[in-house]
Amino acid sequence: MKLKQLFVAASLALAASTAFAFHCPADMKKIDAALENNPKISGEQLAEVKKLRAEGEAQHKAGKHQESVDSLAKAMKILGI
């Protein structure tokens, strides 16, 4: 019985990490789409969004998906999405 529970827990952990991996590109697309529409934010905010977007992509490529999600979430908050 313990082996079955361990297997289920490992499967859930793998599924969660995969979900984060696929979440990052979706967030990047949302940010890119918002930037194409010339958002009404200051130049300073625009620079911050671009910086966070680039950091999020780099973190995603490095396999740091939670950090990527966090960076992209900050950019989306500035953009109001």
N, C-alpha and C. Protein backbone atom coordinates (compact mmCIF):
# COMPACT_ATOMS: atom_id res chain seq x y z
N MET A 1 0.82 -1.19 0.00
CA MET A 1 0.00 0.00 0.00
C MET A 1 0.86 1.25 0.00
N LYS A 2 1.94 1.29 0.76
CA LYS A 2 2.82 2.46 0.83
C LYS A 2 3.44 2.75 -0.53
N LEU A 3 3.78 1.71 -1.27
CA LEU A 3 4.39 1.88 -2.58
C LEU A 3 3.42 2.57 -3.53
N LYS A 4 2.16 2.20 -3.44
CA LYS A 4 1.13 2.81 -4.29
C LYS A 4 0.99 4.31 -3.96
N GLN A 5 1.01 4.65 -2.69
CA GLN A 5 0.90 6.05 -2.28
C GLN A 5 2.10 6.85 -2.75
N LEU A 6 3.28 6.26 -2.66
CA LEU A 6 4.49 6.92 -3.13
C LEU A 6 4.42 7.17 -4.63
N PHE A 7 3.94 6.19 -5.38
CA PHE A 7 3.81 6.33 -6.82
C PHE A 7 2.82 7.45 -7.17
N VAL A 8 1.71 7.50 -6.48
CA VAL A 8 0.71 8.55 -6.72
C VAL A 8 1.30 9.92 -6.41
N ALA A 9 2.01 10.04 -5.30
CA ALA A 9 2.61 11.33 -4.93
C ALA A 9 3.65 11.76 -5.96
N ALA A 10 4.46 10.83 -6.43
CA ALA A 10 5.48 11.16 -7.44
C ALA A 10 4.82 11.58 -8.74
N SER A 11 3.75 10.92 -9.10
CA SER A 11 3.03 11.27 -10.33
C SER A 11 2.43 12.67 -10.25
N LEU A 12 1.87 13.00 -9.12
CA LEU A 12 1.29 14.33 -8.93
C LEU A 12 2.35 15.41 -8.97
N ALA A 13 3.50 15.14 -8.38
CA ALA A 13 4.60 16.12 -8.38
C ALA A 13 5.08 16.36 -9.81
N LEU A 14 5.20 15.31 -10.58
CA LEU A 14 5.62 15.43 -11.98
C LEU A 14 4.59 16.22 -12.78
N ALA A 15 3.33 15.93 -12.57
CA ALA A 15 2.28 16.64 -13.29
C ALA A 15 2.28 18.13 -12.94
N ALA A 16 2.52 18.46 -11.70
CA ALA A 16 2.55 19.87 -11.28
C ALA A 16 3.71 20.60 -11.92
N SER A 17 4.89 19.98 -11.98
CA SER A 17 6.03 20.66 -12.59
C SER A 17 5.82 20.84 -14.09
N THR A 18 5.16 19.88 -14.73
CA THR A 18 4.85 20.00 -16.15
C THR A 18 3.85 21.12 -16.38
N ALA A 19 2.90 21.27 -15.50
CA ALA A 19 1.90 22.34 -15.63
C ALA A 19 2.57 23.70 -15.57
N PHE A 20 3.53 23.88 -14.66
CA PHE A 20 4.26 25.14 -14.58
C PHE A 20 5.04 25.39 -15.86
N ALA A 21 5.61 24.34 -16.42
CA ALA A 21 6.42 24.48 -17.63
C ALA A 21 5.58 24.99 -18.79
N PHE A 22 4.34 24.55 -18.88
CA PHE A 22 3.49 24.98 -19.98
C PHE A 22 2.81 26.31 -19.67
N HIS A 23 2.78 26.72 -18.43
CA HIS A 23 2.15 27.98 -18.03
C HIS A 23 2.98 29.18 -18.48
N CYS A 24 4.29 29.04 -18.44
CA CYS A 24 5.20 30.15 -18.75
C CYS A 24 5.00 30.69 -20.18
N PRO A 25 5.01 29.84 -21.20
CA PRO A 25 4.84 30.36 -22.56
C PRO A 25 3.49 31.06 -22.76
N ALA A 26 2.45 30.57 -22.10
CA ALA A 26 1.14 31.21 -22.21
C ALA A 26 1.19 32.62 -21.62
N ASP A 27 1.85 32.77 -20.48
CA ASP A 27 1.98 34.08 -19.86
C ASP A 27 2.81 35.02 -20.74
N MET A 28 3.88 34.50 -21.34
CA MET A 28 4.70 35.33 -22.22
C MET A 28 3.88 35.84 -23.41
N LYS A 29 3.03 34.98 -23.95
CA LYS A 29 2.18 35.39 -25.08
C LYS A 29 1.20 36.48 -24.65
N LYS A 30 0.64 36.36 -23.45
CA LYS A 30 -0.27 37.39 -22.94
C LYS A 30 0.45 38.74 -22.81
N ILE A 31 1.67 38.69 -22.30
CA ILE A 31 2.45 39.92 -22.13
C ILE A 31 2.77 40.53 -23.49
N ASP A 32 3.21 39.68 -24.42
CA ASP A 32 3.54 40.17 -25.76
C ASP A 32 2.33 40.81 -26.43
N ALA A 33 1.17 40.18 -26.29
CA ALA A 33 -0.05 40.73 -26.89
C ALA A 33 -0.40 42.08 -26.27
N ALA A 34 -0.26 42.18 -24.96
CA ALA A 34 -0.55 43.45 -24.28
C ALA A 34 0.42 44.54 -24.74
N LEU A 35 1.69 44.19 -24.92
CA LEU A 35 2.68 45.18 -25.36
C LEU A 35 2.42 45.65 -26.78
N GLU A 36 1.88 44.78 -27.62
CA GLU A 36 1.55 45.16 -29.00
C GLU A 36 0.44 46.21 -29.04
N ASN A 37 -0.39 46.24 -28.01
CA ASN A 37 -1.52 47.18 -27.96
C ASN A 37 -1.15 48.50 -27.31
N ASN A 38 0.16 48.79 -27.19
CA ASN A 38 0.64 50.04 -26.60
C ASN A 38 -0.09 50.39 -25.29
N PRO A 39 0.20 49.64 -24.24
CA PRO A 39 -0.50 49.87 -22.97
C PRO A 39 -0.23 51.27 -22.43
N LYS A 40 -1.18 51.79 -21.71
CA LYS A 40 -1.06 53.12 -21.13
C LYS A 40 -0.36 53.02 -19.77
N ILE A 41 0.95 52.84 -19.85
CA ILE A 41 1.79 52.79 -18.66
C ILE A 41 2.98 53.71 -18.89
N SER A 42 3.65 54.08 -17.82
CA SER A 42 4.78 54.99 -17.94
C SER A 42 5.96 54.29 -18.62
N GLY A 43 6.93 55.06 -19.06
CA GLY A 43 8.13 54.52 -19.67
C GLY A 43 8.89 53.65 -18.69
N GLU A 44 8.90 54.05 -17.43
CA GLU A 44 9.56 53.27 -16.39
C GLU A 44 8.88 51.91 -16.21
N GLN A 45 7.54 51.93 -16.21
CA GLN A 45 6.79 50.68 -16.07
C GLN A 45 7.01 49.79 -17.30
N LEU A 46 7.05 50.39 -18.47
CA LEU A 46 7.28 49.63 -19.70
C LEU A 46 8.64 48.94 -19.65
N ALA A 47 9.66 49.65 -19.20
CA ALA A 47 11.00 49.07 -19.08
C ALA A 47 10.99 47.91 -18.08
N GLU A 48 10.27 48.07 -16.98
CA GLU A 48 10.19 47.02 -15.97
C GLU A 48 9.48 45.78 -16.52
N VAL A 49 8.40 46.00 -17.26
CA VAL A 49 7.67 44.88 -17.87
C VAL A 49 8.58 44.12 -18.83
N LYS A 50 9.31 44.84 -19.65
CA LYS A 50 10.20 44.18 -20.62
C LYS A 50 11.30 43.41 -19.90
N LYS A 51 11.82 43.98 -18.82
CA LYS A 51 12.87 43.32 -18.04
C LYS A 51 12.33 42.03 -17.40
N LEU A 52 11.15 42.13 -16.79
CA LEU A 52 10.54 40.96 -16.15
C LEU A 52 10.18 39.89 -17.17
N ARG A 53 9.73 40.32 -18.34
CA ARG A 53 9.37 39.37 -19.39
C ARG A 53 10.62 38.60 -19.84
N ALA A 54 11.72 39.32 -20.03
CA ALA A 54 12.97 38.68 -20.45
C ALA A 54 13.50 37.75 -19.36
N GLU A 55 13.41 38.17 -18.11
CA GLU A 55 13.83 37.32 -16.99
C GLU A 55 12.99 36.06 -16.93
N GLY A 56 11.69 36.23 -17.11
CA GLY A 56 10.78 35.08 -17.08
C GLY A 56 11.11 34.06 -18.16
N GLU A 57 11.42 34.54 -19.34
CA GLU A 57 11.77 33.63 -20.43
C GLU A 57 13.08 32.91 -20.13
N ALA A 58 14.07 33.63 -19.63
CA ALA A 58 15.36 33.02 -19.29
C ALA A 58 15.19 31.98 -18.18
N GLN A 59 14.39 32.31 -17.19
CA GLN A 59 14.14 31.36 -16.10
C GLN A 59 13.42 30.11 -16.61
N HIS A 60 12.47 30.31 -17.51
CA HIS A 60 11.75 29.17 -18.09
C HIS A 60 12.71 28.25 -18.82
N LYS A 61 13.57 28.84 -19.63
CA LYS A 61 14.53 28.04 -20.40
C LYS A 61 15.52 27.32 -19.49
N ALA A 62 15.79 27.89 -18.32
CA ALA A 62 16.71 27.28 -17.36
C ALA A 62 16.02 26.23 -16.49
N GLY A 63 14.72 26.05 -16.70
CA GLY A 63 13.99 25.06 -15.91
C GLY A 63 13.52 25.56 -14.56
N LYS A 64 13.63 26.87 -14.33
CA LYS A 64 13.21 27.47 -13.06
C LYS A 64 11.79 28.00 -13.24
N HIS A 65 10.84 27.08 -13.35
CA HIS A 65 9.49 27.45 -13.75
C HIS A 65 8.73 28.27 -12.70
N GLN A 66 8.91 27.99 -11.43
CA GLN A 66 8.21 28.79 -10.43
C GLN A 66 8.74 30.23 -10.44
N GLU A 67 10.05 30.38 -10.57
CA GLU A 67 10.61 31.74 -10.65
C GLU A 67 10.11 32.44 -11.90
N SER A 68 10.00 31.70 -13.00
CA SER A 68 9.50 32.28 -14.24
C SER A 68 8.06 32.75 -14.08
N VAL A 69 7.23 31.89 -13.51
CA VAL A 69 5.83 32.24 -13.28
C VAL A 69 5.74 33.49 -12.41
N ASP A 70 6.58 33.59 -11.39
CA ASP A 70 6.56 34.75 -10.49
C ASP A 70 6.96 36.03 -11.23
N SER A 71 8.02 35.97 -12.03
CA SER A 71 8.47 37.15 -12.78
C SER A 71 7.41 37.59 -13.78
N LEU A 72 6.84 36.62 -14.49
CA LEU A 72 5.83 36.95 -15.49
C LEU A 72 4.56 37.50 -14.84
N ALA A 73 4.24 37.01 -13.65
CA ALA A 73 3.06 37.51 -12.92
C ALA A 73 3.25 38.98 -12.53
N LYS A 74 4.47 39.35 -12.15
CA LYS A 74 4.73 40.74 -11.82
C LYS A 74 4.55 41.63 -13.04
N ALA A 75 5.04 41.16 -14.20
CA ALA A 75 4.87 41.93 -15.44
C ALA A 75 3.38 42.06 -15.79
N MET A 76 2.64 40.98 -15.65
CA MET A 76 1.20 41.02 -15.97
C MET A 76 0.45 41.95 -15.02
N LYS A 77 0.86 42.00 -13.77
CA LYS A 77 0.21 42.87 -12.81
C LYS A 77 0.41 44.33 -13.23
N ILE A 78 1.60 44.69 -13.65
CA ILE A 78 1.87 46.06 -14.11
C ILE A 78 1.00 46.39 -15.31
N LEU A 79 0.84 45.39 -16.19
CA LEU A 79 0.04 45.59 -17.41
C LEU A 79 -1.47 45.53 -17.15
N GLY A 80 -1.85 45.05 -15.97
CA GLY A 80 -3.26 44.94 -15.63
C GLY A 80 -3.94 43.73 -16.28
N ILE A 81 -3.16 42.68 -16.50
CA ILE A 81 -3.74 41.45 -17.08
C ILE A 81 -3.54 40.28 -16.14
